[in-house]
Amino acid sequence: MARPESAKWEPMRTAPRDGTLVRARVRATEQGPAEIDTVRWARSARSGEEGWVANDSDPFARVVYAEVELSGWMPLPSQRPGARPKKVAAPEPSPPDEIDGAGI
């Protein structure tokens, strides 16, 4: 899927800090290679600390990135109906004598 030219990596200092989900480039470290993650800016209710929280974090073991761990951000892909891939036709149903692997 081609990205529009306007979709480019921006510096993290310009990323929205209102809880909006964005894509972020995570720098490589001794723990692993560079990767892309979906994050949002959040403040801890307990400590008041702020940071970039991974969207798929467990509530009891949050993955939080410091700003220096991220090298850039971009908005998530569009959710507009015209930008979604076309629906794939459903597969043809199996003949009645081949249900649940009976025809094997």
N, C-alpha and C. Protein backbone atom coordinates (compact mmCIF):
# COMPACT_ATOMS: atom_id res chain seq x y z
N MET A 1 0.85 -1.17 0.00
CA MET A 1 0.00 0.00 0.00
C MET A 1 0.89 1.23 0.00
N ALA A 2 0.74 2.07 -0.96
CA ALA A 2 1.57 3.26 -1.08
C ALA A 2 1.12 4.32 -0.09
N ARG A 3 2.09 5.00 0.47
CA ARG A 3 1.79 6.10 1.39
C ARG A 3 1.79 7.40 0.62
N PRO A 4 0.90 8.32 1.00
CA PRO A 4 0.97 9.61 0.35
C PRO A 4 2.26 10.32 0.71
N GLU A 5 2.71 11.21 -0.15
CA GLU A 5 3.95 11.93 0.10
C GLU A 5 3.91 12.73 1.40
N SER A 6 2.71 13.13 1.84
CA SER A 6 2.61 13.92 3.06
C SER A 6 2.89 13.07 4.31
N ALA A 7 2.86 11.74 4.18
CA ALA A 7 3.12 10.87 5.33
C ALA A 7 4.62 10.68 5.47
N LYS A 8 5.23 11.43 6.38
CA LYS A 8 6.67 11.30 6.61
C LYS A 8 6.91 11.35 8.11
N TRP A 9 8.07 10.87 8.51
CA TRP A 9 8.41 10.86 9.93
C TRP A 9 8.69 12.28 10.39
N GLU A 10 8.06 12.65 11.48
CA GLU A 10 8.23 13.96 12.09
C GLU A 10 8.99 13.81 13.40
N PRO A 11 9.64 14.87 13.87
CA PRO A 11 10.33 14.80 15.17
C PRO A 11 9.34 14.59 16.31
N MET A 12 9.74 13.84 17.32
CA MET A 12 8.84 13.53 18.45
C MET A 12 8.37 14.78 19.18
N ARG A 13 9.14 15.85 19.16
CA ARG A 13 8.72 17.07 19.86
C ARG A 13 7.44 17.65 19.26
N THR A 14 7.10 17.25 18.01
CA THR A 14 5.89 17.77 17.36
C THR A 14 4.70 16.81 17.48
N ALA A 15 4.90 15.65 18.11
CA ALA A 15 3.82 14.66 18.22
C ALA A 15 2.72 15.15 19.16
N PRO A 16 1.46 14.77 18.89
CA PRO A 16 0.36 15.20 19.76
C PRO A 16 0.48 14.58 21.15
N ARG A 17 0.23 15.37 22.16
CA ARG A 17 0.33 14.90 23.54
C ARG A 17 -1.04 14.96 24.22
N ASP A 18 -2.04 14.50 23.45
CA ASP A 18 -3.42 14.52 23.96
C ASP A 18 -4.03 13.13 24.05
N GLY A 19 -3.19 12.08 23.98
CA GLY A 19 -3.69 10.72 24.05
C GLY A 19 -3.96 10.10 22.69
N THR A 20 -3.72 10.85 21.61
CA THR A 20 -3.92 10.35 20.26
C THR A 20 -2.91 9.24 19.96
N LEU A 21 -3.37 8.15 19.37
CA LEU A 21 -2.46 7.08 18.95
C LEU A 21 -1.69 7.50 17.71
N VAL A 22 -0.39 7.25 17.72
CA VAL A 22 0.48 7.55 16.57
C VAL A 22 1.46 6.39 16.39
N ARG A 23 2.06 6.32 15.21
CA ARG A 23 3.15 5.37 14.99
C ARG A 23 4.44 6.06 15.40
N ALA A 24 5.33 5.29 16.02
CA ALA A 24 6.61 5.85 16.44
C ALA A 24 7.74 4.89 16.08
N ARG A 25 8.87 5.47 15.67
CA ARG A 25 10.07 4.67 15.42
C ARG A 25 10.85 4.55 16.72
N VAL A 26 11.08 3.32 17.14
CA VAL A 26 11.82 3.04 18.37
C VAL A 26 13.28 2.78 17.97
N ARG A 27 14.19 3.49 18.61
CA ARG A 27 15.62 3.33 18.31
C ARG A 27 16.11 1.93 18.72
N ALA A 28 17.10 1.44 18.02
CA ALA A 28 17.73 0.17 18.38
C ALA A 28 18.49 0.35 19.70
N THR A 29 18.49 -0.69 20.51
CA THR A 29 19.24 -0.69 21.78
C THR A 29 19.92 -2.04 21.93
N GLU A 30 20.64 -2.22 23.04
CA GLU A 30 21.25 -3.52 23.28
C GLU A 30 20.19 -4.60 23.54
N GLN A 31 18.95 -4.17 23.85
CA GLN A 31 17.87 -5.14 24.07
C GLN A 31 17.21 -5.60 22.76
N GLY A 32 17.43 -4.87 21.67
CA GLY A 32 16.81 -5.30 20.42
C GLY A 32 16.98 -4.29 19.29
N PRO A 33 16.58 -4.70 18.08
CA PRO A 33 16.71 -3.84 16.91
C PRO A 33 15.67 -2.73 16.89
N ALA A 34 15.85 -1.78 15.99
CA ALA A 34 14.87 -0.71 15.82
C ALA A 34 13.56 -1.33 15.37
N GLU A 35 12.46 -0.69 15.73
CA GLU A 35 11.14 -1.18 15.35
C GLU A 35 10.16 -0.02 15.31
N ILE A 36 8.95 -0.33 14.90
CA ILE A 36 7.87 0.66 14.89
C ILE A 36 6.81 0.19 15.86
N ASP A 37 6.30 1.11 16.67
CA ASP A 37 5.27 0.77 17.66
C ASP A 37 4.16 1.81 17.59
N THR A 38 2.99 1.46 18.08
CA THR A 38 1.88 2.40 18.18
C THR A 38 1.83 2.87 19.62
N VAL A 39 1.92 4.19 19.82
CA VAL A 39 2.03 4.75 21.16
C VAL A 39 1.07 5.93 21.34
N ARG A 40 0.91 6.32 22.60
CA ARG A 40 0.14 7.52 22.94
C ARG A 40 0.82 8.17 24.14
N TRP A 41 0.66 9.49 24.25
CA TRP A 41 1.22 10.22 25.39
C TRP A 41 0.28 10.04 26.56
N ALA A 42 0.82 9.73 27.73
CA ALA A 42 -0.01 9.51 28.91
C ALA A 42 0.72 9.96 30.16
N ARG A 43 -0.07 10.24 31.19
CA ARG A 43 0.46 10.60 32.51
C ARG A 43 -0.01 9.55 33.51
N SER A 44 0.91 9.06 34.33
CA SER A 44 0.59 8.06 35.34
C SER A 44 -0.30 8.68 36.41
N ALA A 45 -1.40 8.01 36.72
CA ALA A 45 -2.30 8.50 37.77
C ALA A 45 -1.64 8.40 39.14
N ARG A 46 -0.75 7.43 39.32
CA ARG A 46 -0.08 7.24 40.61
C ARG A 46 1.06 8.20 40.83
N SER A 47 2.00 8.23 39.88
CA SER A 47 3.23 9.00 40.09
C SER A 47 3.22 10.37 39.42
N GLY A 48 2.35 10.56 38.45
CA GLY A 48 2.33 11.82 37.71
C GLY A 48 3.37 11.89 36.61
N GLU A 49 4.18 10.83 36.45
CA GLU A 49 5.18 10.80 35.39
C GLU A 49 4.49 10.70 34.03
N GLU A 50 5.13 11.31 33.03
CA GLU A 50 4.58 11.28 31.68
C GLU A 50 5.52 10.51 30.75
N GLY A 51 4.94 9.96 29.68
CA GLY A 51 5.75 9.24 28.72
C GLY A 51 4.90 8.68 27.60
N TRP A 52 5.57 8.06 26.66
CA TRP A 52 4.91 7.44 25.51
C TRP A 52 4.61 6.00 25.86
N VAL A 53 3.33 5.63 25.93
CA VAL A 53 2.90 4.30 26.34
C VAL A 53 2.53 3.49 25.09
N ALA A 54 3.07 2.28 25.00
CA ALA A 54 2.73 1.39 23.90
C ALA A 54 1.26 1.03 23.97
N ASN A 55 0.59 1.04 22.84
CA ASN A 55 -0.85 0.77 22.78
C ASN A 55 -1.21 -0.63 23.26
N ASP A 56 -0.33 -1.60 23.05
CA ASP A 56 -0.63 -2.98 23.44
C ASP A 56 -0.07 -3.35 24.80
N SER A 57 0.22 -2.36 25.63
CA SER A 57 0.74 -2.62 26.98
C SER A 57 -0.30 -3.32 27.84
N ASP A 58 0.20 -4.15 28.73
CA ASP A 58 -0.64 -4.78 29.74
C ASP A 58 -0.89 -3.74 30.83
N PRO A 59 -2.10 -3.66 31.39
CA PRO A 59 -2.35 -2.66 32.44
C PRO A 59 -1.44 -2.80 33.66
N PHE A 60 -0.92 -4.01 33.90
CA PHE A 60 -0.08 -4.24 35.07
C PHE A 60 1.41 -4.20 34.75
N ALA A 61 1.75 -4.12 33.47
CA ALA A 61 3.16 -4.07 33.06
C ALA A 61 3.26 -3.17 31.83
N ARG A 62 3.11 -1.90 32.02
CA ARG A 62 3.11 -0.94 30.91
C ARG A 62 4.48 -0.85 30.24
N VAL A 63 4.43 -0.70 28.92
CA VAL A 63 5.65 -0.43 28.15
C VAL A 63 5.64 1.08 27.91
N VAL A 64 6.59 1.78 28.53
CA VAL A 64 6.66 3.24 28.43
C VAL A 64 8.01 3.61 27.84
N TYR A 65 7.97 4.45 26.82
CA TYR A 65 9.20 4.91 26.17
C TYR A 65 9.51 6.34 26.61
N ALA A 66 10.77 6.60 26.88
CA ALA A 66 11.22 7.98 27.09
C ALA A 66 11.33 8.62 25.71
N GLU A 67 11.21 9.92 25.66
CA GLU A 67 11.28 10.64 24.38
C GLU A 67 12.55 10.30 23.59
N VAL A 68 13.68 10.14 24.28
CA VAL A 68 14.95 9.86 23.59
C VAL A 68 14.98 8.47 22.97
N GLU A 69 14.09 7.57 23.39
CA GLU A 69 14.04 6.23 22.81
C GLU A 69 13.33 6.20 21.46
N LEU A 70 12.62 7.28 21.14
CA LEU A 70 11.84 7.35 19.91
C LEU A 70 12.46 8.37 18.97
N SER A 71 12.60 7.99 17.70
CA SER A 71 13.28 8.89 16.76
C SER A 71 12.34 9.63 15.83
N GLY A 72 11.06 9.32 15.82
CA GLY A 72 10.13 10.03 14.96
C GLY A 72 8.73 9.46 15.09
N TRP A 73 7.76 10.18 14.54
CA TRP A 73 6.37 9.75 14.61
C TRP A 73 5.66 10.10 13.31
N MET A 74 4.52 9.45 13.09
CA MET A 74 3.62 9.80 11.99
C MET A 74 2.21 9.37 12.40
N PRO A 75 1.20 9.99 11.80
CA PRO A 75 -0.17 9.60 12.13
C PRO A 75 -0.43 8.15 11.69
N LEU A 76 -1.41 7.53 12.32
CA LEU A 76 -1.82 6.20 11.89
C LEU A 76 -2.44 6.27 10.50
N PRO A 77 -2.45 5.16 9.76
CA PRO A 77 -3.07 5.17 8.45
C PRO A 77 -4.54 5.59 8.54
N SER A 78 -5.04 6.14 7.49
CA SER A 78 -6.41 6.65 7.44
C SER A 78 -7.44 5.55 7.66
N GLN A 79 -8.52 5.90 8.34
CA GLN A 79 -9.62 4.99 8.54
C GLN A 79 -10.80 5.34 7.63
N ARG A 80 -10.57 6.25 6.69
CA ARG A 80 -11.64 6.63 5.77
C ARG A 80 -12.01 5.44 4.90
N PRO A 81 -13.32 5.22 4.63
CA PRO A 81 -13.74 4.07 3.82
C PRO A 81 -13.05 3.99 2.47
N GLY A 82 -12.80 5.11 1.80
CA GLY A 82 -12.15 5.09 0.50
C GLY A 82 -10.70 4.64 0.57
N ALA A 83 -10.09 4.70 1.75
CA ALA A 83 -8.68 4.34 1.89
C ALA A 83 -8.50 2.89 2.32
N ARG A 84 -9.59 2.21 2.69
CA ARG A 84 -9.51 0.82 3.12
C ARG A 84 -9.39 -0.11 1.92
N PRO A 85 -8.74 -1.27 2.11
CA PRO A 85 -8.67 -2.24 1.01
C PRO A 85 -10.06 -2.77 0.69
N LYS A 86 -10.24 -3.19 -0.55
CA LYS A 86 -11.52 -3.76 -0.97
C LYS A 86 -11.76 -5.07 -0.23
N LYS A 87 -13.04 -5.39 0.01
CA LYS A 87 -13.39 -6.64 0.68
C LYS A 87 -13.07 -7.81 -0.24
N VAL A 88 -12.59 -8.87 0.36
CA VAL A 88 -12.28 -10.08 -0.38
C VAL A 88 -13.52 -10.95 -0.38
N ALA A 89 -13.82 -11.57 -1.51
CA ALA A 89 -15.00 -12.44 -1.60
C ALA A 89 -14.85 -13.61 -0.63
N ALA A 90 -15.97 -13.99 -0.01
CA ALA A 90 -15.97 -15.11 0.92
C ALA A 90 -15.71 -16.41 0.17
N PRO A 91 -15.00 -17.35 0.78
CA PRO A 91 -14.74 -18.61 0.10
C PRO A 91 -16.04 -19.38 -0.10
N GLU A 92 -16.05 -20.23 -1.13
CA GLU A 92 -17.24 -21.04 -1.41
C GLU A 92 -17.42 -22.04 -0.27
N PRO A 93 -18.67 -22.30 0.14
CA PRO A 93 -18.88 -23.28 1.23
C PRO A 93 -18.49 -24.69 0.78
N SER A 94 -18.07 -25.50 1.74
CA SER A 94 -17.70 -26.88 1.45
C SER A 94 -18.95 -27.70 1.14
N PRO A 95 -18.82 -28.70 0.27
CA PRO A 95 -19.96 -29.60 0.04
C PRO A 95 -20.34 -30.27 1.36
N PRO A 96 -21.63 -30.62 1.53
CA PRO A 96 -22.09 -31.21 2.81
C PRO A 96 -21.32 -32.44 3.25
N ASP A 97 -20.81 -33.24 2.31
CA ASP A 97 -20.10 -34.45 2.70
C ASP A 97 -18.65 -34.18 3.10
N GLU A 98 -18.19 -32.92 3.04
CA GLU A 98 -16.82 -32.58 3.41
C GLU A 98 -16.76 -31.59 4.57
N ILE A 99 -17.73 -31.60 5.43
CA ILE A 99 -17.75 -30.70 6.57
C ILE A 99 -16.82 -31.25 7.67
N ASP A 100 -16.07 -30.37 8.29
CA ASP A 100 -15.15 -30.71 9.37
C ASP A 100 -14.12 -31.77 8.99
N GLY A 101 -13.66 -31.75 7.76
CA GLY A 101 -12.62 -32.66 7.32
C GLY A 101 -13.12 -34.06 6.98
N ALA A 102 -14.43 -34.25 6.86
CA ALA A 102 -14.97 -35.58 6.58
C ALA A 102 -14.58 -36.09 5.20
N GLY A 103 -14.18 -35.20 4.28
CA GLY A 103 -13.83 -35.63 2.93
C GLY A 103 -12.37 -36.00 2.79
N ILE A 104 -11.64 -36.04 3.91
CA ILE A 104 -10.21 -36.34 3.83
C ILE A 104 -10.00 -37.83 3.80
